[in-house]
Amino acid sequence: MRCGTVLLAGLHNSGLPISYLQLLGGANYGTYNQGVFNTGNYDIGFFNSCNDLVGIGLTGDHKIGIGPFYINE
């Protein structure tokens, strides 16, 4: 993914094969379940542009949006 390329969360998963994903409202990244959106290692509310979060966002393994549960490291 090139820097500056804005991905609309909810249309894109983390890039993992679909067999690694489970539907839980919207998407699942690894053991981190998020109810709405997930992209790469960034769980975001609206947009992710390379390593820069646009709109509402958190980095790393943090959750945002409607995530029912996750494993806290």
N, C-alpha and C. Protein backbone atom coordinates (compact mmCIF):
# COMPACT_ATOMS: atom_id res chain seq x y z
N MET A 1 0.84 -1.19 0.00
CA MET A 1 0.00 0.00 0.00
C MET A 1 0.88 1.24 0.00
N ARG A 2 0.68 2.10 -0.94
CA ARG A 2 1.46 3.32 -1.04
C ARG A 2 0.99 4.36 -0.03
N CYS A 3 1.95 5.14 0.45
CA CYS A 3 1.58 6.24 1.35
C CYS A 3 0.65 7.19 0.61
N GLY A 4 -0.32 7.68 1.32
CA GLY A 4 -1.26 8.60 0.71
C GLY A 4 -2.48 7.90 0.12
N THR A 5 -2.40 6.59 -0.01
CA THR A 5 -3.55 5.84 -0.50
C THR A 5 -4.55 5.66 0.64
N VAL A 6 -5.71 6.23 0.47
CA VAL A 6 -6.72 6.18 1.52
C VAL A 6 -7.61 4.97 1.29
N LEU A 7 -7.70 4.14 2.31
CA LEU A 7 -8.57 2.97 2.24
C LEU A 7 -9.83 3.23 3.05
N LEU A 8 -10.94 2.88 2.48
CA LEU A 8 -12.20 2.99 3.20
C LEU A 8 -12.37 1.76 4.06
N ALA A 9 -12.29 1.94 5.34
CA ALA A 9 -12.41 0.81 6.26
C ALA A 9 -13.77 0.15 6.09
N GLY A 10 -13.76 -1.14 6.21
CA GLY A 10 -14.99 -1.89 6.00
C GLY A 10 -15.03 -2.50 4.61
N LEU A 11 -14.29 -1.91 3.67
CA LEU A 11 -14.15 -2.50 2.35
C LEU A 11 -12.86 -3.30 2.26
N HIS A 12 -11.98 -3.11 3.21
CA HIS A 12 -10.68 -3.76 3.18
C HIS A 12 -10.44 -4.48 4.50
N ASN A 13 -9.90 -5.70 4.40
CA ASN A 13 -9.50 -6.38 5.62
C ASN A 13 -8.00 -6.21 5.81
N SER A 14 -7.43 -6.96 6.73
CA SER A 14 -6.03 -6.80 7.07
C SER A 14 -5.10 -7.36 6.01
N GLY A 15 -5.62 -7.99 4.99
CA GLY A 15 -4.79 -8.62 3.98
C GLY A 15 -4.56 -10.09 4.25
N LEU A 16 -5.02 -10.56 5.40
CA LEU A 16 -4.92 -11.98 5.71
C LEU A 16 -5.90 -12.76 4.83
N PRO A 17 -5.58 -14.01 4.54
CA PRO A 17 -6.54 -14.84 3.79
C PRO A 17 -7.88 -14.89 4.51
N ILE A 18 -8.94 -15.01 3.73
CA ILE A 18 -10.28 -14.95 4.30
C ILE A 18 -10.49 -16.04 5.34
N SER A 19 -9.74 -17.13 5.23
CA SER A 19 -9.90 -18.21 6.20
C SER A 19 -9.47 -17.79 7.60
N TYR A 20 -8.67 -16.72 7.69
CA TYR A 20 -8.24 -16.23 8.99
C TYR A 20 -9.24 -15.24 9.58
N LEU A 21 -10.21 -14.85 8.77
CA LEU A 21 -11.14 -13.82 9.21
C LEU A 21 -12.47 -14.44 9.61
N GLN A 22 -13.10 -13.81 10.59
CA GLN A 22 -14.45 -14.21 10.98
C GLN A 22 -15.33 -12.98 10.97
N LEU A 23 -16.54 -13.14 10.48
CA LEU A 23 -17.47 -12.02 10.50
C LEU A 23 -17.93 -11.77 11.92
N LEU A 24 -17.78 -10.56 12.36
CA LEU A 24 -18.24 -10.18 13.69
C LEU A 24 -18.71 -8.73 13.60
N GLY A 25 -19.84 -8.53 13.02
CA GLY A 25 -20.33 -7.19 12.75
C GLY A 25 -19.73 -6.66 11.46
N GLY A 26 -18.41 -6.76 11.33
CA GLY A 26 -17.76 -6.29 10.11
C GLY A 26 -16.53 -7.08 9.78
N ALA A 27 -15.55 -7.12 10.70
CA ALA A 27 -14.30 -7.78 10.37
C ALA A 27 -13.56 -8.21 11.62
N ASN A 28 -12.62 -9.13 11.43
CA ASN A 28 -11.81 -9.64 12.52
C ASN A 28 -10.36 -9.67 12.05
N TYR A 29 -9.48 -9.12 12.85
CA TYR A 29 -8.05 -9.17 12.55
C TYR A 29 -7.37 -10.00 13.61
N GLY A 30 -6.92 -11.21 13.25
CA GLY A 30 -6.29 -12.09 14.22
C GLY A 30 -7.26 -12.43 15.34
N THR A 31 -6.82 -12.25 16.57
CA THR A 31 -7.69 -12.49 17.71
C THR A 31 -8.37 -11.20 18.15
N TYR A 32 -8.16 -10.14 17.39
CA TYR A 32 -8.73 -8.85 17.74
C TYR A 32 -10.03 -8.66 16.98
N ASN A 33 -11.13 -8.81 17.68
CA ASN A 33 -12.44 -8.70 17.05
C ASN A 33 -12.92 -7.27 17.10
N GLN A 34 -13.32 -6.77 15.95
CA GLN A 34 -13.83 -5.40 15.88
C GLN A 34 -15.18 -5.44 15.20
N GLY A 35 -16.13 -4.73 15.77
CA GLY A 35 -17.49 -4.83 15.27
C GLY A 35 -17.72 -4.12 13.96
N VAL A 36 -16.87 -3.14 13.62
CA VAL A 36 -17.15 -2.34 12.45
C VAL A 36 -16.04 -2.43 11.41
N PHE A 37 -14.86 -1.93 11.75
CA PHE A 37 -13.83 -1.79 10.74
C PHE A 37 -12.50 -2.35 11.20
N ASN A 38 -11.69 -2.78 10.26
CA ASN A 38 -10.32 -3.18 10.54
C ASN A 38 -9.49 -3.10 9.26
N THR A 39 -8.31 -2.52 9.35
CA THR A 39 -7.42 -2.44 8.20
C THR A 39 -5.99 -2.60 8.68
N GLY A 40 -5.30 -3.59 8.17
CA GLY A 40 -3.91 -3.81 8.55
C GLY A 40 -3.76 -3.96 10.05
N ASN A 41 -2.75 -3.35 10.60
CA ASN A 41 -2.53 -3.37 12.03
C ASN A 41 -3.22 -2.19 12.71
N TYR A 42 -3.99 -1.45 11.94
CA TYR A 42 -4.64 -0.26 12.46
C TYR A 42 -6.14 -0.49 12.53
N ASP A 43 -6.67 -0.46 13.72
CA ASP A 43 -8.12 -0.55 13.90
C ASP A 43 -8.66 0.86 13.89
N ILE A 44 -9.49 1.18 12.89
CA ILE A 44 -9.86 2.57 12.68
C ILE A 44 -11.36 2.74 12.53
N GLY A 45 -11.81 3.96 12.73
CA GLY A 45 -13.23 4.25 12.60
C GLY A 45 -13.63 4.61 11.18
N PHE A 46 -12.75 5.30 10.45
CA PHE A 46 -13.12 5.73 9.12
C PHE A 46 -12.05 5.45 8.07
N PHE A 47 -10.88 6.07 8.19
CA PHE A 47 -9.90 5.96 7.12
C PHE A 47 -8.50 5.67 7.65
N ASN A 48 -7.71 5.03 6.80
CA ASN A 48 -6.30 4.77 7.08
C ASN A 48 -5.51 5.11 5.84
N SER A 49 -4.52 5.97 5.97
CA SER A 49 -3.66 6.34 4.85
C SER A 49 -2.23 6.00 5.22
N CYS A 50 -1.71 4.91 4.68
CA CYS A 50 -0.37 4.42 5.00
C CYS A 50 -0.25 4.31 6.51
N ASN A 51 0.71 4.95 7.12
CA ASN A 51 0.84 4.92 8.57
C ASN A 51 0.13 6.09 9.24
N ASP A 52 -0.47 6.93 8.43
CA ASP A 52 -1.18 8.09 8.97
C ASP A 52 -2.66 7.78 9.06
N LEU A 53 -3.22 7.99 10.22
CA LEU A 53 -4.64 7.75 10.41
C LEU A 53 -5.42 9.02 10.15
N VAL A 54 -6.46 8.88 9.35
CA VAL A 54 -7.28 10.02 8.98
C VAL A 54 -8.67 9.83 9.58
N GLY A 55 -9.25 10.89 10.05
CA GLY A 55 -10.58 10.79 10.67
C GLY A 55 -10.42 10.36 12.11
N ILE A 56 -11.08 9.27 12.48
CA ILE A 56 -10.97 8.75 13.83
C ILE A 56 -10.08 7.52 13.78
N GLY A 57 -9.01 7.49 14.54
CA GLY A 57 -8.15 6.33 14.46
C GLY A 57 -7.27 6.13 15.67
N LEU A 58 -6.89 4.88 15.86
CA LEU A 58 -5.89 4.49 16.84
C LEU A 58 -4.90 3.58 16.14
N THR A 59 -3.70 3.48 16.71
CA THR A 59 -2.68 2.67 16.06
C THR A 59 -2.46 1.35 16.78
N GLY A 60 -1.71 0.50 16.14
CA GLY A 60 -1.33 -0.77 16.74
C GLY A 60 -2.52 -1.69 16.92
N ASP A 61 -2.59 -2.29 18.09
CA ASP A 61 -3.61 -3.29 18.37
C ASP A 61 -4.77 -2.72 19.17
N HIS A 62 -4.95 -1.44 19.11
CA HIS A 62 -6.04 -0.82 19.85
C HIS A 62 -7.33 -0.90 19.05
N LYS A 63 -8.43 -0.82 19.75
CA LYS A 63 -9.74 -0.95 19.14
C LYS A 63 -10.41 0.41 19.01
N ILE A 64 -11.27 0.52 18.00
CA ILE A 64 -12.14 1.69 17.89
C ILE A 64 -13.40 1.26 17.15
N GLY A 65 -14.45 2.00 17.35
CA GLY A 65 -15.71 1.64 16.72
C GLY A 65 -16.53 0.80 17.67
N ILE A 66 -17.11 -0.28 17.18
CA ILE A 66 -17.95 -1.13 18.01
C ILE A 66 -17.30 -2.50 18.08
N GLY A 67 -16.36 -2.67 18.98
CA GLY A 67 -15.68 -3.95 19.12
C GLY A 67 -16.14 -4.66 20.38
N PRO A 68 -16.78 -5.80 20.25
CA PRO A 68 -17.34 -6.47 21.42
C PRO A 68 -16.29 -7.01 22.38
N PHE A 69 -15.17 -7.46 21.88
CA PHE A 69 -14.13 -7.95 22.78
C PHE A 69 -12.80 -8.04 22.03
N TYR A 70 -11.74 -8.15 22.79
CA TYR A 70 -10.42 -8.34 22.21
C TYR A 70 -9.49 -8.88 23.28
N ILE A 71 -8.34 -9.37 22.86
CA ILE A 71 -7.33 -9.84 23.79
C ILE A 71 -6.37 -8.70 24.07
N ASN A 72 -6.28 -8.30 25.30
CA ASN A 72 -5.43 -7.17 25.67
C ASN A 72 -4.02 -7.67 25.98
N GLU A 73 -3.05 -7.13 25.24
CA GLU A 73 -1.66 -7.51 25.48
C GLU A 73 -1.02 -6.51 26.41
